């Protein structure tokens, strides 16, 4: 299992990468992260919603009400053009970070 400390700084990129494929809501995004990592990383709900708040505040995602479940409207999220640009920057940054770490650990 991957620790949340190891993923710090990249949770926003994971969320944006999922939203780049289509609008979604919190629970489903959390499940998708777990699925894509083959249960190696399970993002905590508090971490996920902190990411939503940060991404929204920076204009990288928009939130809107969706279908109603258990009497409460589900909040959906969509990536903005600014979010797509940020994701591209984070992807390039990841390649650079990985290269530097590989120089020491490989």
PDB file of N, CA and C in Angstrom:
ATOM      1  N   UNK A   1       0.845  -1.185   0.000  1.00  0.00           N
ATOM      2  CA  UNK A   1       0.000   0.000   0.000  1.00  0.00           C
ATOM      3  C   UNK A   1       0.889   1.247   0.000  1.00  0.00           C
ATOM      4  N   UNK A   2       0.546   2.194  -0.833  1.00  0.00           N
ATOM      5  CA  UNK A   2       1.301   3.440  -0.946  1.00  0.00           C
ATOM      6  C   UNK A   2       0.781   4.423   0.099  1.00  0.00           C
ATOM      7  N   UNK A   3       1.684   5.056   0.819  1.00  0.00           N
ATOM      8  CA  UNK A   3       1.280   6.007   1.855  1.00  0.00           C
ATOM      9  C   UNK A   3       0.828   7.320   1.226  1.00  0.00           C
ATOM     10  N   UNK A   4      -0.006   8.021   1.949  1.00  0.00           N
ATOM     11  CA  UNK A   4      -0.478   9.318   1.447  1.00  0.00           C
ATOM     12  C   UNK A   4       0.674  10.319   1.396  1.00  0.00           C
ATOM     13  N   UNK A   5       1.688  10.146   2.261  1.00  0.00           N
ATOM     14  CA  UNK A   5       2.849  11.033   2.208  1.00  0.00           C
ATOM     15  C   UNK A   5       3.577  10.918   0.876  1.00  0.00           C
ATOM     16  N   UNK A   6       3.680   9.694   0.357  1.00  0.00           N
ATOM     17  CA  UNK A   6       4.356   9.485  -0.918  1.00  0.00           C
ATOM     18  C   UNK A   6       3.592  10.136  -2.069  1.00  0.00           C
ATOM     19  N   UNK A   7       2.279  10.258  -1.927  1.00  0.00           N
ATOM     20  CA  UNK A   7       1.436  10.808  -2.993  1.00  0.00           C
ATOM     21  C   UNK A   7       1.205  12.313  -2.862  1.00  0.00           C
ATOM     22  N   UNK A   8       1.624  12.874  -1.746  1.00  0.00           N
ATOM     23  CA  UNK A   8       1.397  14.297  -1.516  1.00  0.00           C
ATOM     24  C   UNK A   8       1.937  15.104  -2.689  1.00  0.00           C
ATOM     25  N   UNK A   9       1.184  16.030  -3.146  1.00  0.00           N
ATOM     26  CA  UNK A   9       1.594  16.856  -4.275  1.00  0.00           C
ATOM     27  C   UNK A   9       1.068  16.350  -5.611  1.00  0.00           C
ATOM     28  N   UNK A  10       0.581  15.106  -5.629  1.00  0.00           N
ATOM     29  CA  UNK A  10       0.089  14.556  -6.886  1.00  0.00           C
ATOM     30  C   UNK A  10      -1.376  14.152  -6.826  1.00  0.00           C
ATOM     31  N   UNK A  11      -2.020  14.309  -5.674  1.00  0.00           N
ATOM     32  CA  UNK A  11      -3.448  13.997  -5.575  1.00  0.00           C
ATOM     33  C   UNK A  11      -4.265  14.860  -6.531  1.00  0.00           C
ATOM     34  N   UNK A  12      -3.907  16.125  -6.636  1.00  0.00           N
ATOM     35  CA  UNK A  12      -4.634  17.019  -7.539  1.00  0.00           C
ATOM     36  C   UNK A  12      -4.512  16.527  -8.985  1.00  0.00           C
ATOM     37  N   UNK A  13      -3.324  16.083  -9.364  1.00  0.00           N
ATOM     38  CA  UNK A  13      -3.111  15.595 -10.724  1.00  0.00           C
ATOM     39  C   UNK A  13      -3.917  14.324 -10.980  1.00  0.00           C
ATOM     40  N   UNK A  14      -4.021  13.445  -9.982  1.00  0.00           N
ATOM     41  CA  UNK A  14      -4.812  12.226 -10.156  1.00  0.00           C
ATOM     42  C   UNK A  14      -6.274  12.574 -10.407  1.00  0.00           C
ATOM     43  N   UNK A  15      -6.800  13.495  -9.618  1.00  0.00           N
ATOM     44  CA  UNK A  15      -8.197  13.917  -9.771  1.00  0.00           C
ATOM     45  C   UNK A  15      -8.404  14.542 -11.147  1.00  0.00           C
ATOM     46  N   UNK A  16      -7.512  15.424 -11.547  1.00  0.00           N
ATOM     47  CA  UNK A  16      -7.651  16.079 -12.849  1.00  0.00           C
ATOM     48  C   UNK A  16      -7.547  15.084 -13.999  1.00  0.00           C
ATOM     49  N   UNK A  17      -6.669  14.098 -13.865  1.00  0.00           N
ATOM     50  CA  UNK A  17      -6.529  13.087 -14.916  1.00  0.00           C
ATOM     51  C   UNK A  17      -7.827  12.309 -15.094  1.00  0.00           C
ATOM     52  N   UNK A  18      -8.498  12.015 -14.000  1.00  0.00           N
ATOM     53  CA  UNK A  18      -9.787  11.309 -14.075  1.00  0.00           C
ATOM     54  C   UNK A  18     -10.843  12.220 -14.701  1.00  0.00           C
ATOM     55  N   UNK A  19     -10.885  13.471 -14.257  1.00  0.00           N
ATOM     56  CA  UNK A  19     -11.889  14.403 -14.792  1.00  0.00           C
ATOM     57  C   UNK A  19     -11.636  14.752 -16.250  1.00  0.00           C
ATOM     58  N   UNK A  20     -10.407  14.607 -16.697  1.00  0.00           N
ATOM     59  CA  UNK A  20     -10.097  14.857 -18.104  1.00  0.00           C
ATOM     60  C   UNK A  20     -10.850  13.867 -18.999  1.00  0.00           C
ATOM     61  N   UNK A  21     -11.204  12.720 -18.441  1.00  0.00           N
ATOM     62  CA  UNK A  21     -11.936  11.705 -19.204  1.00  0.00           C
ATOM     63  C   UNK A  21     -13.443  11.872 -19.102  1.00  0.00           C
ATOM     64  N   UNK A  22     -13.896  12.794 -18.236  1.00  0.00           N
ATOM     65  CA  UNK A  22     -15.325  13.055 -18.123  1.00  0.00           C
ATOM     66  C   UNK A  22     -15.695  13.493 -16.717  1.00  0.00           C
ATOM     67  N   UNK A  23     -16.810  14.183 -16.607  1.00  0.00           N
ATOM     68  CA  UNK A  23     -17.292  14.667 -15.318  1.00  0.00           C
ATOM     69  C   UNK A  23     -17.549  13.494 -14.374  1.00  0.00           C
ATOM     70  N   UNK A  24     -17.362  13.734 -13.088  1.00  0.00           N
ATOM     71  CA  UNK A  24     -17.584  12.674 -12.115  1.00  0.00           C
ATOM     72  C   UNK A  24     -17.842  13.290 -10.740  1.00  0.00           C
ATOM     73  N   UNK A  25     -18.083  12.426  -9.760  1.00  0.00           N
ATOM     74  CA  UNK A  25     -18.355  12.872  -8.388  1.00  0.00           C
ATOM     75  C   UNK A  25     -17.381  12.185  -7.431  1.00  0.00           C
ATOM     76  N   UNK A  26     -17.309  12.701  -6.217  1.00  0.00           N
ATOM     77  CA  UNK A  26     -16.299  12.303  -5.253  1.00  0.00           C
ATOM     78  C   UNK A  26     -16.139  10.818  -5.031  1.00  0.00           C
ATOM     79  N   UNK A  27     -17.209  10.134  -4.678  1.00  0.00           N
ATOM     80  CA  UNK A  27     -17.115   8.711  -4.375  1.00  0.00           C
ATOM     81  C   UNK A  27     -16.576   7.929  -5.567  1.00  0.00           C
ATOM     82  N   UNK A  28     -17.079   8.248  -6.739  1.00  0.00           N
ATOM     83  CA  UNK A  28     -16.659   7.540  -7.954  1.00  0.00           C
ATOM     84  C   UNK A  28     -15.185   7.827  -8.275  1.00  0.00           C
ATOM     85  N   UNK A  29     -14.739   9.049  -8.060  1.00  0.00           N
ATOM     86  CA  UNK A  29     -13.339   9.397  -8.296  1.00  0.00           C
ATOM     87  C   UNK A  29     -12.439   8.620  -7.330  1.00  0.00           C
ATOM     88  N   UNK A  30     -12.827   8.555  -6.067  1.00  0.00           N
ATOM     89  CA  UNK A  30     -12.063   7.782  -5.088  1.00  0.00           C
ATOM     90  C   UNK A  30     -11.961   6.316  -5.476  1.00  0.00           C
ATOM     91  N   UNK A  31     -13.085   5.754  -5.939  1.00  0.00           N
ATOM     92  CA  UNK A  31     -13.087   4.355  -6.389  1.00  0.00           C
ATOM     93  C   UNK A  31     -12.193   4.167  -7.613  1.00  0.00           C
ATOM     94  N   UNK A  32     -12.206   5.129  -8.507  1.00  0.00           N
ATOM     95  CA  UNK A  32     -11.397   5.033  -9.718  1.00  0.00           C
ATOM     96  C   UNK A  32      -9.898   5.079  -9.392  1.00  0.00           C
ATOM     97  N   UNK A  33      -9.525   5.908  -8.444  1.00  0.00           N
ATOM     98  CA  UNK A  33      -8.121   5.969  -8.027  1.00  0.00           C
ATOM     99  C   UNK A  33      -7.704   4.620  -7.455  1.00  0.00           C
ATOM    100  N   UNK A  34      -8.535   4.067  -6.617  1.00  0.00           N
ATOM    101  CA  UNK A  34      -8.246   2.764  -6.022  1.00  0.00           C
ATOM    102  C   UNK A  34      -8.154   1.679  -7.106  1.00  0.00           C
ATOM    103  N   UNK A  35      -9.072   1.722  -8.059  1.00  0.00           N
ATOM    104  CA  UNK A  35      -9.096   0.723  -9.140  1.00  0.00           C
ATOM    105  C   UNK A  35      -7.846   0.818 -10.010  1.00  0.00           C
ATOM    106  N   UNK A  36      -7.515   2.036 -10.441  1.00  0.00           N
ATOM    107  CA  UNK A  36      -6.369   2.212 -11.347  1.00  0.00           C
ATOM    108  C   UNK A  36      -5.045   1.861 -10.683  1.00  0.00           C
ATOM    109  N   UNK A  37      -4.990   1.977  -9.363  1.00  0.00           N
ATOM    110  CA  UNK A  37      -3.748   1.655  -8.650  1.00  0.00           C
ATOM    111  C   UNK A  37      -3.761   0.219  -8.142  1.00  0.00           C
ATOM    112  N   UNK A  38      -4.764  -0.546  -8.551  1.00  0.00           N
ATOM    113  CA  UNK A  38      -4.888  -1.946  -8.125  1.00  0.00           C
ATOM    114  C   UNK A  38      -4.849  -2.056  -6.606  1.00  0.00           C
ATOM    115  N   UNK A  39      -5.631  -1.189  -5.950  1.00  0.00           N
ATOM    116  CA  UNK A  39      -5.760  -1.146  -4.487  1.00  0.00           C
ATOM    117  C   UNK A  39      -4.459  -0.773  -3.769  1.00  0.00           C
ATOM    118  N   UNK A  40      -3.504  -0.207  -4.487  1.00  0.00           N
ATOM    119  CA  UNK A  40      -2.239   0.187  -3.859  1.00  0.00           C
ATOM    120  C   UNK A  40      -2.344   1.572  -3.214  1.00  0.00           C
ATOM    121  N   UNK A  41      -3.294   2.379  -3.697  1.00  0.00           N
ATOM    122  CA  UNK A  41      -3.486   3.710  -3.104  1.00  0.00           C
ATOM    123  C   UNK A  41      -4.969   3.958  -2.937  1.00  0.00           C
ATOM    124  N   UNK A  42      -5.356   4.154  -1.695  1.00  0.00           N
ATOM    125  CA  UNK A  42      -6.747   4.473  -1.374  1.00  0.00           C
ATOM    126  C   UNK A  42      -6.773   5.877  -0.788  1.00  0.00           C
ATOM    127  N   UNK A  43      -7.193   6.819  -1.590  1.00  0.00           N
ATOM    128  CA  UNK A  43      -7.215   8.216  -1.152  1.00  0.00           C
ATOM    129  C   UNK A  43      -8.281   8.393  -0.084  1.00  0.00           C
ATOM    130  N   UNK A  44      -7.914   9.060   0.980  1.00  0.00           N
ATOM    131  CA  UNK A  44      -8.870   9.317   2.061  1.00  0.00           C
ATOM    132  C   UNK A  44      -9.897  10.350   1.607  1.00  0.00           C
ATOM    133  N   UNK A  45     -11.098  10.214   2.123  1.00  0.00           N
ATOM    134  CA  UNK A  45     -12.175  11.134   1.751  1.00  0.00           C
ATOM    135  C   UNK A  45     -11.788  12.580   2.073  1.00  0.00           C
ATOM    136  N   UNK A  46     -11.179  12.808   3.229  1.00  0.00           N
ATOM    137  CA  UNK A  46     -10.783  14.173   3.603  1.00  0.00           C
ATOM    138  C   UNK A  46      -9.727  14.717   2.632  1.00  0.00           C
ATOM    139  N   UNK A  47      -8.821  13.866   2.190  1.00  0.00           N
ATOM    140  CA  UNK A  47      -7.795  14.276   1.228  1.00  0.00           C
ATOM    141  C   UNK A  47      -8.436  14.611  -0.109  1.00  0.00           C
ATOM    142  N   UNK A  48      -9.382  13.795  -0.523  1.00  0.00           N
ATOM    143  CA  UNK A  48     -10.069  14.004  -1.793  1.00  0.00           C
ATOM    144  C   UNK A  48     -10.848  15.315  -1.790  1.00  0.00           C
ATOM    145  N   UNK A  49     -11.591  15.567  -0.732  1.00  0.00           N
ATOM    146  CA  UNK A  49     -12.392  16.793  -0.700  1.00  0.00           C
ATOM    147  C   UNK A  49     -11.529  18.030  -0.501  1.00  0.00           C
ATOM    148  N   UNK A  50     -10.386  17.888   0.155  1.00  0.00           N
ATOM    149  CA  UNK A  50      -9.436  19.006   0.235  1.00  0.00           C
ATOM    150  C   UNK A  50      -8.903  19.316  -1.170  1.00  0.00           C
ATOM    151  N   UNK A  51      -8.662  18.264  -1.957  1.00  0.00           N
ATOM    152  CA  UNK A  51      -8.216  18.459  -3.337  1.00  0.00           C
ATOM    153  C   UNK A  51      -9.293  19.173  -4.148  1.00  0.00           C
ATOM    154  N   UNK A  52     -10.549  18.762  -3.998  1.00  0.00           N
ATOM    155  CA  UNK A  52     -11.644  19.433  -4.715  1.00  0.00           C
ATOM    156  C   UNK A  52     -11.678  20.919  -4.366  1.00  0.00           C
ATOM    157  N   UNK A  53     -11.551  21.243  -3.086  1.00  0.00           N
ATOM    158  CA  UNK A  53     -11.578  22.645  -2.656  1.00  0.00           C
ATOM    159  C   UNK A  53     -10.415  23.432  -3.256  1.00  0.00           C
ATOM    160  N   UNK A  54      -9.232  22.852  -3.219  1.00  0.00           N
ATOM    161  CA  UNK A  54      -8.042  23.513  -3.762  1.00  0.00           C
ATOM    162  C   UNK A  54      -8.180  23.713  -5.266  1.00  0.00           C
ATOM    163  N   UNK A  55      -8.591  22.670  -5.965  1.00  0.00           N
ATOM    164  CA  UNK A  55      -8.733  22.740  -7.424  1.00  0.00           C
ATOM    165  C   UNK A  55      -9.801  23.749  -7.837  1.00  0.00           C
ATOM    166  N   UNK A  56     -10.882  23.780  -7.089  1.00  0.00           N
ATOM    167  CA  UNK A  56     -11.958  24.724  -7.375  1.00  0.00           C
ATOM    168  C   UNK A  56     -11.501  26.160  -7.119  1.00  0.00           C
ATOM    169  N   UNK A  57     -10.837  26.364  -5.998  1.00  0.00           N
ATOM    170  CA  UNK A  57     -10.349  27.701  -5.632  1.00  0.00           C
ATOM    171  C   UNK A  57      -9.392  28.246  -6.692  1.00  0.00           C
ATOM    172  N   UNK A  58      -8.596  27.357  -7.287  1.00  0.00           N
ATOM    173  CA  UNK A  58      -7.627  27.774  -8.305  1.00  0.00           C
ATOM    174  C   UNK A  58      -8.211  27.832  -9.709  1.00  0.00           C
ATOM    175  N   UNK A  59      -9.493  27.502  -9.844  1.00  0.00           N
ATOM    176  CA  UNK A  59     -10.145  27.572 -11.141  1.00  0.00           C
ATOM    177  C   UNK A  59      -9.842  26.386 -12.046  1.00  0.00           C
ATOM    178  N   UNK A  60      -9.367  25.276 -11.466  1.00  0.00           N
ATOM    179  CA  UNK A  60      -9.019  24.101 -12.253  1.00  0.00           C
ATOM    180  C   UNK A  60     -10.202  23.161 -12.474  1.00  0.00           C
ATOM    181  N   UNK A  61     -11.206  23.262 -11.612  1.00  0.00           N
ATOM    182  CA  UNK A  61     -12.426  22.470 -11.765  1.00  0.00           C
ATOM    183  C   UNK A  61     -13.627  23.340 -11.448  1.00  0.00           C
ATOM    184  N   UNK A  62     -14.774  22.927 -11.969  1.00  0.00           N
ATOM    185  CA  UNK A  62     -16.063  23.522 -11.627  1.00  0.00           C
ATOM    186  C   UNK A  62     -16.907  22.438 -10.976  1.00  0.00           C
ATOM    187  N   UNK A  63     -17.744  22.834 -10.026  1.00  0.00           N
ATOM    188  CA  UNK A  63     -18.664  21.906  -9.373  1.00  0.00           C
ATOM    189  C   UNK A  63     -20.085  22.271  -9.765  1.00  0.00           C
ATOM    190  N   UNK A  64     -20.926  21.252  -9.884  1.00  0.00           N
ATOM    191  CA  UNK A  64     -22.336  21.498 -10.187  1.00  0.00           C
ATOM    192  C   UNK A  64     -23.172  20.356  -9.609  1.00  0.00           C
ATOM    193  N   UNK A  65     -24.450  20.645  -9.286  1.00  0.00           N
ATOM    194  CA  UNK A  65     -25.301  19.593  -8.702  1.00  0.00           C
ATOM    195  C   UNK A  65     -25.714  18.580  -9.754  1.00  0.00           C
ATOM    196  N   UNK A  66     -25.731  17.332  -9.346  1.00  0.00           N
ATOM    197  CA  UNK A  66     -26.134  16.254 -10.243  1.00  0.00           C
ATOM    198  C   UNK A  66     -27.385  15.575  -9.740  1.00  0.00           C
ATOM    199  N   UNK A  67     -27.510  14.287 -10.000  1.00  0.00           N
ATOM    200  CA  UNK A  67     -28.680  13.531  -9.592  1.00  0.00           C
ATOM    201  C   UNK A  67     -28.782  13.459  -8.067  1.00  0.00           C
ATOM    202  N   UNK A  68     -29.974  13.209  -7.585  1.00  0.00           N
ATOM    203  CA  UNK A  68     -30.236  13.162  -6.151  1.00  0.00           C
ATOM    204  C   UNK A  68     -30.119  11.719  -5.667  1.00  0.00           C
ATOM    205  N   UNK A  69     -29.319  11.531  -4.606  1.00  0.00           N
ATOM    206  CA  UNK A  69     -29.205  10.219  -3.977  1.00  0.00           C
ATOM    207  C   UNK A  69     -29.441  10.395  -2.482  1.00  0.00           C
ATOM    208  N   UNK A  70     -30.259   9.538  -1.931  1.00  0.00           N
ATOM    209  CA  UNK A  70     -30.609   9.620  -0.502  1.00  0.00           C
ATOM    210  C   UNK A  70     -31.129  11.004  -0.114  1.00  0.00           C
ATOM    211  N   UNK A  71     -31.877  11.619  -1.025  1.00  0.00           N
ATOM    212  CA  UNK A  71     -32.477  12.918  -0.745  1.00  0.00           C
ATOM    213  C   UNK A  71     -31.540  14.093  -0.861  1.00  0.00           C
ATOM    214  N   UNK A  72     -30.312  13.866  -1.253  1.00  0.00           N
ATOM    215  CA  UNK A  72     -29.314  14.932  -1.336  1.00  0.00           C
ATOM    216  C   UNK A  72     -28.718  14.955  -2.746  1.00  0.00           C
ATOM    217  N   UNK A  73     -28.600  16.160  -3.359  1.00  0.00           N
ATOM    218  CA  UNK A  73     -28.000  16.209  -4.696  1.00  0.00           C
ATOM    219  C   UNK A  73     -26.511  15.869  -4.644  1.00  0.00           C
ATOM    220  N   UNK A  74     -26.088  15.034  -5.548  1.00  0.00           N
ATOM    221  CA  UNK A  74     -24.669  14.651  -5.648  1.00  0.00           C
ATOM    222  C   UNK A  74     -23.940  15.793  -6.356  1.00  0.00           C
ATOM    223  N   UNK A  75     -22.761  16.139  -5.882  1.00  0.00           N
ATOM    224  CA  UNK A  75     -21.961  17.183  -6.515  1.00  0.00           C
ATOM    225  C   UNK A  75     -21.041  16.557  -7.549  1.00  0.00           C
ATOM    226  N   UNK A  76     -21.141  17.061  -8.761  1.00  0.00           N
ATOM    227  CA  UNK A  76     -20.274  16.608  -9.851  1.00  0.00           C
ATOM    228  C   UNK A  76     -19.196  17.657 -10.090  1.00  0.00           C
ATOM    229  N   UNK A  77     -18.094  17.190 -10.665  1.00  0.00           N
ATOM    230  CA  UNK A  77     -16.968  18.066 -10.962  1.00  0.00           C
ATOM    231  C   UNK A  77     -16.577  17.895 -12.420  1.00  0.00           C
ATOM    232  N   UNK A  78     -16.110  18.993 -13.016  1.00  0.00           N
ATOM    233  CA  UNK A  78     -15.599  18.954 -14.388  1.00  0.00           C
ATOM    234  C   UNK A  78     -14.303  19.767 -14.434  1.00  0.00           C
ATOM    235  N   UNK A  79     -13.408  19.338 -15.271  1.00  0.00           N
ATOM    236  CA  UNK A  79     -12.127  20.032 -15.436  1.00  0.00           C
ATOM    237  C   UNK A  79     -12.340  21.254 -16.330  1.00  0.00           C
ATOM    238  N   UNK A  80     -11.640  22.330 -16.043  1.00  0.00           N
ATOM    239  CA  UNK A  80     -11.706  23.552 -16.845  1.00  0.00           C
ATOM    240  C   UNK A  80     -10.491  23.596 -17.774  1.00  0.00           C
ATOM    241  N   UNK A  81     -10.500  24.481 -18.757  1.00  0.00           N
ATOM    242  CA  UNK A  81      -9.306  24.631 -19.605  1.00  0.00           C
ATOM    243  C   UNK A  81      -8.050  24.961 -18.777  1.00  0.00           C
ATOM    244  N   UNK A  82      -8.238  25.763 -17.761  1.00  0.00           N
ATOM    245  CA  UNK A  82      -7.106  26.087 -16.866  1.00  0.00           C
ATOM    246  C   UNK A  82      -6.614  24.832 -16.140  1.00  0.00           C
ATOM    247  N   UNK A  83      -7.539  23.949 -15.774  1.00  0.00           N
ATOM    248  CA  UNK A  83      -7.186  22.685 -15.131  1.00  0.00           C
ATOM    249  C   UNK A  83      -6.427  21.774 -16.075  1.00  0.00           C
ATOM    250  N   UNK A  84      -6.816  21.753 -17.339  1.00  0.00           N
ATOM    251  CA  UNK A  84      -6.094  20.939 -18.336  1.00  0.00           C
ATOM    252  C   UNK A  84      -4.654  21.424 -18.484  1.00  0.00           C
ATOM    253  N   UNK A  85      -4.475  22.732 -18.496  1.00  0.00           N
ATOM    254  CA  UNK A  85      -3.126  23.302 -18.611  1.00  0.00           C
ATOM    255  C   UNK A  85      -2.297  22.954 -17.367  1.00  0.00           C
ATOM    256  N   UNK A  86      -2.906  23.047 -16.196  1.00  0.00           N
ATOM    257  CA  UNK A  86      -2.212  22.698 -14.951  1.00  0.00           C
ATOM    258  C   UNK A  86      -1.821  21.223 -14.946  1.00  0.00           C
ATOM    259  N   UNK A  87      -2.711  20.359 -15.428  1.00  0.00           N
ATOM    260  CA  UNK A  87      -2.415  18.934 -15.483  1.00  0.00           C
ATOM    261  C   UNK A  87      -1.220  18.663 -16.400  1.00  0.00           C
ATOM    262  N   UNK A  88      -1.136  19.351 -17.507  1.00  0.00           N
ATOM    263  CA  UNK A  88       0.010  19.184 -18.414  1.00  0.00           C
ATOM    264  C   UNK A  88       1.312  19.581 -17.711  1.00  0.00           C
ATOM    265  N   UNK A  89       1.274  20.651 -16.942  1.00  0.00           N
ATOM    266  CA  UNK A  89       2.452  21.093 -16.193  1.00  0.00           C
ATOM    267  C   UNK A  89       2.833  20.047 -15.150  1.00  0.00           C
ATOM    268  N   UNK A  90       1.848  19.520 -14.427  1.00  0.00           N
ATOM    269  CA  UNK A  90       2.113  18.502 -13.403  1.00  0.00           C
ATOM    270  C   UNK A  90       2.660  17.222 -14.020  1.00  0.00           C
ATOM    271  N   UNK A  91       2.199  16.861 -15.204  1.00  0.00           N
ATOM    272  CA  UNK A  91       2.695  15.657 -15.883  1.00  0.00           C
ATOM    273  C   UNK A  91       4.172  15.829 -16.237  1.00  0.00           C
ATOM    274  N   UNK A  92       4.524  16.977 -16.764  1.00  0.00           N
ATOM    275  CA  UNK A  92       5.927  17.247 -17.099  1.00  0.00           C
ATOM    276  C   UNK A  92       6.776  17.284 -15.829  1.00  0.00           C
ATOM    277  N   UNK A  93       6.271  17.906 -14.797  1.00  0.00           N
ATOM    278  CA  UNK A  93       6.978  17.958 -13.518  1.00  0.00           C
ATOM    279  C   UNK A  93       7.237  16.545 -12.993  1.00  0.00           C
ATOM    280  N   UNK A  94       6.222  15.667 -13.093  1.00  0.00           N
ATOM    281  CA  UNK A  94       6.376  14.292 -12.626  1.00  0.00           C
ATOM    282  C   UNK A  94       7.514  13.580 -13.351  1.00  0.00           C
ATOM    283  N   UNK A  95       7.606  13.763 -14.651  1.00  0.00           N
ATOM    284  CA  UNK A  95       8.677  13.119 -15.414  1.00  0.00           C
ATOM    285  C   UNK A  95      10.048  13.590 -14.931  1.00  0.00           C
ATOM    286  N   UNK A  96      10.150  14.878 -14.628  1.00  0.00           N
ATOM    287  CA  UNK A  96      11.413  15.417 -14.131  1.00  0.00           C
ATOM    288  C   UNK A  96      11.737  14.880 -12.737  1.00  0.00           C
ATOM    289  N   UNK A  97      10.741  14.859 -11.847  1.00  0.00           N
ATOM    290  CA  UNK A  97      10.939  14.347 -10.485  1.00  0.00           C
ATOM    291  C   UNK A  97      11.329  12.880 -10.533  1.00  0.00           C
ATOM    292  N   UNK A  98      10.618  12.102 -11.332  1.00  0.00           N
ATOM    293  CA  UNK A  98      10.908  10.672 -11.440  1.00  0.00           C
ATOM    294  C   UNK A  98      12.331  10.447 -11.936  1.00  0.00           C
ATOM    295  N   UNK A  99      12.749  11.227 -12.925  1.00  0.00           N
ATOM    296  CA  UNK A  99      14.106  11.093 -13.457  1.00  0.00           C
ATOM    297  C   UNK A  99      15.144  11.357 -12.359  1.00  0.00           C
ATOM    298  N   UNK A 100      14.962  12.419 -11.609  1.00  0.00           N
ATOM    299  CA  UNK A 100      15.919  12.764 -10.564  1.00  0.00           C
ATOM    300  C   UNK A 100      15.961  11.681  -9.480  1.00  0.00           C
ATOM    301  N   UNK A 101      14.812  11.215  -9.029  1.00  0.00           N
ATOM    302  CA  UNK A 101      14.780  10.179  -8.004  1.00  0.00           C
ATOM    303  C   UNK A 101      15.401   8.882  -8.534  1.00  0.00           C
ATOM    304  N   UNK A 102      15.118   8.538  -9.788  1.00  0.00           N
ATOM    305  CA  UNK A 102      15.700   7.345 -10.394  1.00  0.00           C
ATOM    306  C   UNK A 102      17.228   7.401 -10.417  1.00  0.00           C
ATOM    307  N   UNK A 103      17.794   8.598 -10.571  1.00  0.00           N
ATOM    308  CA  UNK A 103      19.248   8.730 -10.564  1.00  0.00           C
ATOM    309  C   UNK A 103      19.865   8.250  -9.249  1.00  0.00           C
ATOM    310  N   UNK A 104      19.097   8.351  -8.192  1.00  0.00           N
ATOM    311  CA  UNK A 104      19.599   7.949  -6.880  1.00  0.00           C
ATOM    312  C   UNK A 104      19.174   6.548  -6.465  1.00  0.00           C
ATOM    313  N   UNK A 105      18.003   6.129  -6.886  1.00  0.00           N
ATOM    314  CA  UNK A 105      17.472   4.871  -6.387  1.00  0.00           C
ATOM    315  C   UNK A 105      17.608   3.688  -7.352  1.00  0.00           C
ATOM    316  N   UNK A 106      17.988   3.944  -8.575  1.00  0.00           N
ATOM    317  CA  UNK A 106      18.164   2.836  -9.541  1.00  0.00           C
ATOM    318  C   UNK A 106      19.624   2.496  -9.721  1.00  0.00           C
TER     319      UNK A 106
END
